[in-house]
Protein backbone atom coordinates (compact mmCIF):
# COMPACT_ATOMS: atom_id res chain seq x y z
CA UNK A 1 21.92 284.88 60.57
CA UNK A 2 18.88 286.95 61.88
CA UNK A 3 19.31 288.02 65.66
CA UNK A 4 16.61 288.81 68.09
CA UNK A 5 16.56 290.64 71.38
CA UNK A 6 14.76 287.53 73.12
CA UNK A 7 14.34 283.99 72.46
CA UNK A 8 11.48 282.38 74.13
CA UNK A 9 11.56 278.49 74.56
CA UNK A 10 8.27 276.58 74.99
CA UNK A 11 8.67 272.78 75.67
CA UNK A 12 5.42 271.18 74.55
CA UNK A 13 4.07 267.85 75.64
CA UNK A 14 0.32 266.88 76.08
CA UNK A 15 -0.65 270.40 75.67
CA UNK A 16 -2.65 270.78 72.85
CA UNK A 17 -5.67 272.22 74.26
CA UNK A 18 -3.65 275.06 75.88
CA UNK A 19 -1.22 275.90 72.96
CA UNK A 20 -3.50 278.44 71.22
CA UNK A 21 -3.58 280.57 74.31
CA UNK A 22 -0.01 280.37 75.13
CA UNK A 23 1.31 280.82 71.66
CA UNK A 24 -1.22 283.91 71.11
CA UNK A 25 0.21 285.64 74.14
CA UNK A 26 3.80 285.18 72.58
CA UNK A 27 3.27 286.27 69.08
CA UNK A 28 1.41 289.36 70.17
CA UNK A 29 4.27 290.56 72.46
CA UNK A 30 4.85 294.09 72.34
CA UNK A 31 8.58 293.66 72.28
CA UNK A 32 10.06 293.77 68.55
CA UNK A 33 12.75 291.31 67.77
CA UNK A 34 11.27 288.20 69.71
CA UNK A 35 11.95 284.38 68.54
CA UNK A 36 9.67 281.81 69.76
CA UNK A 37 11.09 278.23 69.84
CA UNK A 38 8.56 275.57 70.29
CA UNK A 39 9.77 272.18 71.12
CA UNK A 40 7.47 269.31 70.35
CA UNK A 41 8.79 266.63 72.99
CA UNK A 42 7.62 263.63 71.10
CA UNK A 43 4.13 264.53 72.24
CA UNK A 44 1.51 261.83 71.62
CA UNK A 45 -1.37 264.43 71.07
CA UNK A 46 -1.88 266.60 67.82
CA UNK A 47 -0.03 269.59 69.25
CA UNK A 48 2.48 269.39 66.47
CA UNK A 49 -0.21 270.54 63.90
CA UNK A 50 -0.97 273.65 66.02
CA UNK A 51 2.79 274.26 66.03
CA UNK A 52 3.20 273.86 62.43
CA UNK A 53 0.41 276.27 61.72
CA UNK A 54 1.87 279.06 63.77
CA UNK A 55 5.29 278.30 62.24
CA UNK A 56 3.59 278.81 58.89
CA UNK A 57 2.01 282.10 59.79
CA UNK A 58 4.79 283.71 61.87
CA UNK A 59 8.30 284.01 60.44
CA UNK A 60 9.60 284.36 64.14
CA UNK A 61 8.32 281.05 65.18
CA UNK A 62 10.66 277.83 65.03
CA UNK A 63 9.40 274.39 65.78
CA UNK A 64 11.64 271.58 66.67
CA UNK A 65 10.06 268.31 66.39
CA UNK A 66 11.86 265.48 68.65
CA UNK A 67 10.95 261.94 68.00
CA UNK A 68 12.14 260.73 71.30
CA UNK A 69 10.75 262.18 74.71
CA UNK A 70 13.59 263.98 76.54
CA UNK A 71 11.18 265.74 79.10
CA UNK A 72 11.20 269.30 80.15
CA UNK A 73 14.92 269.79 80.85
CA UNK A 74 15.99 268.13 77.59
CA UNK A 75 13.44 270.05 75.51
CA UNK A 76 14.45 273.47 77.01
CA UNK A 77 18.09 272.42 76.05
CA UNK A 78 17.23 271.81 72.62
CA UNK A 79 15.99 275.20 72.40
CA UNK A 80 18.90 276.87 74.00
CA UNK A 81 21.29 275.42 71.54
CA UNK A 82 19.44 277.00 68.34
CA UNK A 83 18.31 280.22 70.15
CA UNK A 84 19.32 283.43 68.39
CA UNK A 85 18.36 285.99 71.02
CA UNK A 86 20.53 288.05 73.27
CA UNK A 87 18.62 286.90 76.09
CA UNK A 88 16.38 283.82 76.71
CA UNK A 89 13.24 283.06 78.45
CA UNK A 90 11.11 279.93 79.14
CA UNK A 91 7.27 279.55 78.97
CA UNK A 92 5.63 276.27 79.66
CA UNK A 93 3.02 275.20 77.09
CA UNK A 94 0.06 275.15 79.52
CA UNK A 95 0.73 278.69 80.72
CA UNK A 96 0.59 282.11 79.07
CA UNK A 97 2.18 285.52 79.58
CA UNK A 98 1.17 289.26 79.83
CA UNK A 99 1.68 290.89 76.48
CA UNK A 100 3.99 293.39 77.81
CA UNK A 101 6.07 290.86 79.69
CA UNK A 102 9.15 290.34 77.59
CA UNK A 103 9.25 294.13 76.77
CA UNK A 104 9.47 294.90 80.48
CA UNK A 105 12.00 292.34 81.22
CA UNK A 106 14.21 293.08 78.29
CA UNK A 107 14.33 296.91 79.01
CA UNK A 108 14.89 296.18 82.70
CA UNK A 109 17.87 294.24 81.65
CA UNK A 110 19.45 296.66 79.32
CA UNK A 111 18.75 299.56 81.85
CA UNK A 112 20.38 297.68 84.74
CA UNK A 113 22.97 295.74 82.69
CA UNK A 114 22.36 292.61 84.87
CA UNK A 115 22.24 288.97 83.31
CA UNK A 116 19.11 287.78 85.13
CA UNK A 117 15.54 289.52 85.47
CA UNK A 118 12.74 287.95 86.89
CA UNK A 119 8.89 288.96 87.47
CA UNK A 120 6.00 287.84 89.47
CA UNK A 121 3.74 284.85 88.78
CA UNK A 122 0.23 284.16 89.56
CA UNK A 123 -1.83 280.86 89.78
CA UNK A 124 -4.94 280.67 87.80
CA UNK A 125 -7.44 277.49 87.82
CA UNK A 126 -9.78 276.11 85.41
CA UNK A 127 -12.51 278.56 86.25
CA UNK A 128 -10.26 281.58 85.49
CA UNK A 129 -9.81 282.50 88.95
CA UNK A 130 -6.43 283.68 90.61
CA UNK A 131 -5.79 281.40 93.31
CA UNK A 132 -2.55 282.84 94.44
CA UNK A 133 0.49 284.69 93.65
CA UNK A 134 4.17 284.45 93.92
CA UNK A 135 5.53 287.99 93.88
CA UNK A 136 8.53 289.46 95.72
CA UNK A 137 7.92 292.33 98.26
CA UNK A 138 11.60 293.11 98.38
CA UNK A 139 14.92 292.18 96.91
CA UNK A 140 17.83 290.88 98.83
CA UNK A 141 20.17 292.13 95.90
CA UNK A 142 19.23 294.53 93.08
CA UNK A 143 21.70 295.40 90.14
CA UNK A 144 25.28 294.47 89.58
CA UNK A 145 26.49 292.55 92.63
CA UNK A 146 29.75 292.45 94.45
CA UNK A 147 31.16 289.00 95.08
CA UNK A 148 30.31 289.17 98.78
CA UNK A 149 26.59 289.32 97.85
CA UNK A 150 26.73 286.14 95.99
CA UNK A 151 24.89 284.09 98.68
CA UNK A 152 22.25 286.72 98.72
CA UNK A 153 21.71 286.47 95.11
CA UNK A 154 21.54 282.60 95.40
CA UNK A 155 18.87 282.89 98.14
CA UNK A 156 16.95 285.67 96.48
CA UNK A 157 16.54 284.53 92.93
CA UNK A 158 13.39 283.04 91.34
CA UNK A 159 12.64 279.45 91.99
CA UNK A 160 11.32 278.91 88.50
CA UNK A 161 12.72 278.91 85.07
CA UNK A 162 9.56 280.54 83.58
CA UNK A 163 9.22 284.26 84.78
CA UNK A 164 13.06 284.77 84.17
CA UNK A 165 14.97 286.50 81.46
CA UNK A 166 18.61 285.27 81.05
CA UNK A 167 21.56 286.63 79.12
CA UNK A 168 22.32 283.77 76.55
CA UNK A 169 26.09 284.69 76.84
CA UNK A 170 25.94 283.58 80.51
CA UNK A 171 24.57 280.20 79.63
CA UNK A 172 27.04 279.39 77.01
CA UNK A 173 30.15 280.83 78.81
CA UNK A 174 29.57 278.63 81.72
CA UNK A 175 27.97 275.56 79.97
CA UNK A 176 24.78 275.89 81.91
CA UNK A 177 22.06 273.69 80.91
CA UNK A 178 19.08 271.80 82.42
CA UNK A 179 19.43 268.28 83.95
CA UNK A 180 17.69 265.87 81.61
CA UNK A 181 15.24 263.11 82.28
CA UNK A 182 14.63 264.11 85.71
CA UNK A 183 12.19 266.33 87.62
CA UNK A 184 13.16 269.37 89.44
CA UNK A 185 15.35 270.38 86.64
CA UNK A 186 14.74 274.27 87.52
CA UNK A 187 16.37 273.72 90.85
CA UNK A 188 19.68 272.89 89.49
CA UNK A 189 19.50 275.41 86.71
CA UNK A 190 18.54 278.41 88.73
CA UNK A 191 21.17 277.68 91.29
CA UNK A 192 24.04 277.43 88.86
CA UNK A 193 22.78 280.58 86.86
CA UNK A 194 22.81 282.44 90.20
CA UNK A 195 26.34 281.10 90.98
CA UNK A 196 27.75 282.85 88.06
CA UNK A 197 25.34 285.83 86.92
CA UNK A 198 26.85 289.13 87.29
CA UNK A 199 23.57 290.54 89.04
CA UNK A 200 20.00 290.23 89.39
CA UNK A 201 16.75 292.62 89.38
CA UNK A 202 13.03 292.21 89.32
CA UNK A 203 9.81 293.64 87.86
CA UNK A 204 7.16 294.03 90.55
CA UNK A 205 4.16 292.66 88.54
CA UNK A 206 2.63 289.28 87.88
CA UNK A 207 3.31 289.06 84.16
CA UNK A 208 3.48 285.40 83.97
CA UNK A 209 0.16 283.29 84.47
CA UNK A 210 0.64 279.63 85.77
CA UNK A 211 -2.30 277.45 84.80
CA UNK A 212 -3.21 275.09 87.76
CA UNK A 213 -3.43 271.98 85.44
CA UNK A 214 -4.16 268.82 87.51
CA UNK A 215 -2.75 266.71 84.71
CA UNK A 216 0.62 268.28 84.35
CA UNK A 217 3.75 266.23 84.91
CA UNK A 218 4.84 268.97 87.24
CA UNK A 219 1.82 268.78 89.50
CA UNK A 220 1.85 265.07 90.10
CA UNK A 221 4.04 264.09 93.41
CA UNK A 222 4.87 260.70 94.46
CA UNK A 223 8.00 259.15 96.10
CA UNK A 224 9.90 259.03 92.59
CA UNK A 225 9.30 262.89 92.50
CA UNK A 226 10.51 263.38 95.79
CA UNK A 227 13.59 261.17 95.58
CA UNK A 228 14.38 263.12 92.29
CA UNK A 229 14.40 266.39 94.31
CA UNK A 230 17.26 264.83 96.47
CA UNK A 231 19.04 263.88 93.33
CA UNK A 232 18.96 267.15 92.17
CA UNK A 233 20.20 268.44 95.49
CA UNK A 234 23.19 266.25 95.28
CA UNK A 235 23.88 267.52 91.69
CA UNK A 236 23.93 271.08 92.89
CA UNK A 237 26.38 270.16 95.78
CA UNK A 238 28.54 268.11 93.56
CA UNK A 239 28.83 271.28 90.97
CA UNK A 240 30.00 273.51 93.97
CA UNK A 241 32.46 270.94 94.95
CA UNK A 242 33.71 270.43 91.63
CA UNK A 243 34.10 274.21 90.86
CA UNK A 244 35.93 274.65 94.21
CA UNK A 245 32.95 276.77 95.66
CA UNK A 246 31.62 274.62 98.47
CA UNK A 247 33.60 276.36 101.55
CA UNK A 248 33.17 279.91 100.08
CA UNK A 249 29.42 279.46 99.73
CA UNK A 250 29.00 276.99 102.81
CA UNK A 251 26.18 279.09 104.58
CA UNK A 252 24.18 279.06 101.47
CA UNK A 253 24.42 275.39 100.56
CA UNK A 254 23.56 274.61 104.51
CA UNK A 255 20.52 276.66 104.14
CA UNK A 256 19.57 275.23 100.68
CA UNK A 257 20.08 271.67 101.82
CA UNK A 258 17.90 272.17 105.09
CA UNK A 259 15.30 273.83 102.96
CA UNK A 260 15.07 271.09 100.03
CA UNK A 261 15.09 268.25 102.48
CA UNK A 262 12.40 269.90 104.69
CA UNK A 263 10.23 270.56 101.59
CA UNK A 264 10.75 266.99 100.27
CA UNK A 265 9.40 265.65 103.68
CA UNK A 266 6.62 268.00 103.67
CA UNK A 267 5.46 267.43 99.80
CA UNK A 268 5.51 263.74 100.55
CA UNK A 269 3.49 263.90 103.48
CA UNK A 270 1.13 266.65 101.91
CA UNK A 271 0.16 264.64 98.95
CA UNK A 272 -0.14 260.93 100.27
CA UNK A 273 -3.46 259.67 101.77
CA UNK A 274 -1.47 256.98 103.73
CA UNK A 275 2.05 258.32 104.07
CA UNK A 276 4.83 256.03 104.94
CA UNK A 277 7.13 256.57 107.96
CA UNK A 278 9.99 254.66 105.91
CA UNK A 279 10.08 257.32 103.23
CA UNK A 280 10.51 260.09 106.02
CA UNK A 281 13.24 257.79 107.69
CA UNK A 282 15.20 257.92 104.22
CA UNK A 283 15.11 261.78 104.02
CA UNK A 284 16.05 261.77 107.73
CA UNK A 285 19.08 259.73 107.05
CA UNK A 286 20.27 261.95 104.30
CA UNK A 287 19.82 265.00 106.36
CA UNK A 288 21.38 263.44 109.30
CA UNK A 289 24.60 262.74 107.21
CA UNK A 290 24.76 266.48 106.40
CA UNK A 291 25.84 268.76 109.20
CA UNK A 292 23.27 271.37 109.29
CA UNK A 293 24.53 274.72 111.22
CA UNK A 294 21.56 275.74 113.37
CA UNK A 295 23.22 279.12 113.89
CA UNK A 296 23.33 279.58 110.18
CA UNK A 297 22.04 283.34 109.69
CA UNK A 298 19.94 282.25 106.68
CA UNK A 299 18.34 279.26 108.38
CA UNK A 300 17.18 281.40 111.29
CA UNK A 301 16.17 284.25 109.25
CA UNK A 302 14.22 282.40 106.52
CA UNK A 303 12.84 279.46 108.58
CA UNK A 304 12.46 281.38 111.78
CA UNK A 305 12.54 279.66 115.06
CA UNK A 306 9.71 277.18 114.57
CA UNK A 307 10.98 276.09 111.06
CA UNK A 308 14.56 275.59 112.47
CA UNK A 309 13.25 273.59 115.23
CA UNK A 310 11.02 271.38 112.63
CA UNK A 311 14.25 270.73 110.61
CA UNK A 312 15.95 269.85 114.08
CA UNK A 313 13.21 267.35 114.61
CA UNK A 314 13.36 265.95 111.22
CA UNK A 315 17.20 265.29 111.47
CA UNK A 316 17.19 264.05 115.03
CA UNK A 317 13.78 262.85 115.94
CA UNK A 318 12.03 261.77 112.67
CA UNK A 319 9.24 259.86 114.39
CA UNK A 320 8.15 262.84 116.33
CA UNK A 321 8.28 265.12 113.13
CA UNK A 322 6.08 262.69 111.41
CA UNK A 323 3.56 262.25 114.19
CA UNK A 324 3.46 265.98 114.78
CA UNK A 325 2.81 266.44 110.90
CA UNK A 326 -0.09 263.85 110.93
CA UNK A 327 -1.77 265.20 114.12
CA UNK A 328 -1.63 268.81 112.65
CA UNK A 329 -3.05 267.60 109.54
CA UNK A 330 -5.93 265.67 111.05
CA UNK A 331 -6.73 268.69 113.09
CA UNK A 332 -6.72 270.80 109.88
CA UNK A 333 -3.94 273.16 111.58
CA UNK A 334 -2.28 275.21 108.80
CA UNK A 335 0.31 276.24 111.25
CA UNK A 336 3.05 273.57 110.34
CA UNK A 337 6.44 275.51 109.79
CA UNK A 338 7.02 276.50 106.28
CA UNK A 339 4.02 274.85 104.85
CA UNK A 340 3.54 277.87 102.66
CA UNK A 341 6.82 277.42 101.08
CA UNK A 342 5.79 274.01 99.41
CA UNK A 343 2.59 275.19 98.36
CA UNK A 344 4.21 278.32 96.74
CA UNK A 345 6.54 275.77 94.67
CA UNK A 346 3.74 273.65 93.14
CA UNK A 347 5.18 274.00 89.92
CA UNK A 348 8.77 273.69 90.58
């Protein structure tokens, strides 16, 4: 069996017009020993013809043609199962990457001996204009970690599956896979990877290019999307509990729960012309049932006092939270606490 340094998994669904750009950026990588696994997720377009063409021309391209749609998480899982690389990376079919990306990430992983390496990402619109970037300015952990640094690793890891390089043995040793048939599958996957990884490091360059595709399934937000984000949160909490880690990493889970529920509320309000208070009430009830520690050091550090106050309002006085946001939005005030966090995570 041929072995590779890196296997790159590309789930493909309704991305025919973007596939050539994506695949050209992968088949021309400077890293030698790269495998490209394209998973056609029962796509109704003619993308499979493009995939078959690349498979015929490049011996390191493998195509999986699924007859039933399993969505992003399921397609990535099918790729993981056949991957032959030492490390695994993920690229979405409407995105593309710098030609040096996987060489830089792989070399960084080998140099530091860590199981997870990330790089910066930028956002590019249909006019080829960079509309934003997601790049770290410092690292909470860097390199092989001690166990007491685990919560810092969990907080500091990349939010996306894209832009990461992960040692395959880590995924198989701990049976880590994406949730299937659900949005926000990245959230669960990345947290569980962070729970078991031996360390983490970062390449301070925007090597992954996210296309702001208004038709992408990851861009559309409605009550179903937001509800599924809460479902994924529950899956994360259940995993920690089942593995006996809930008490050990209580501060992280407390912080992560507050952040997720706040972003659920914000994303719902930010993407609805006529937001309903009833949905905010549902988020409030779940948040109210979970004890949030206002003295949690991660909460105070990453939310700040204004963000912590906003979470407190959502938990105890949801109507005031709701009316405050409506007023701020109508007055076009971009000062609502943590607003930037939701917009930075627009593809998660």
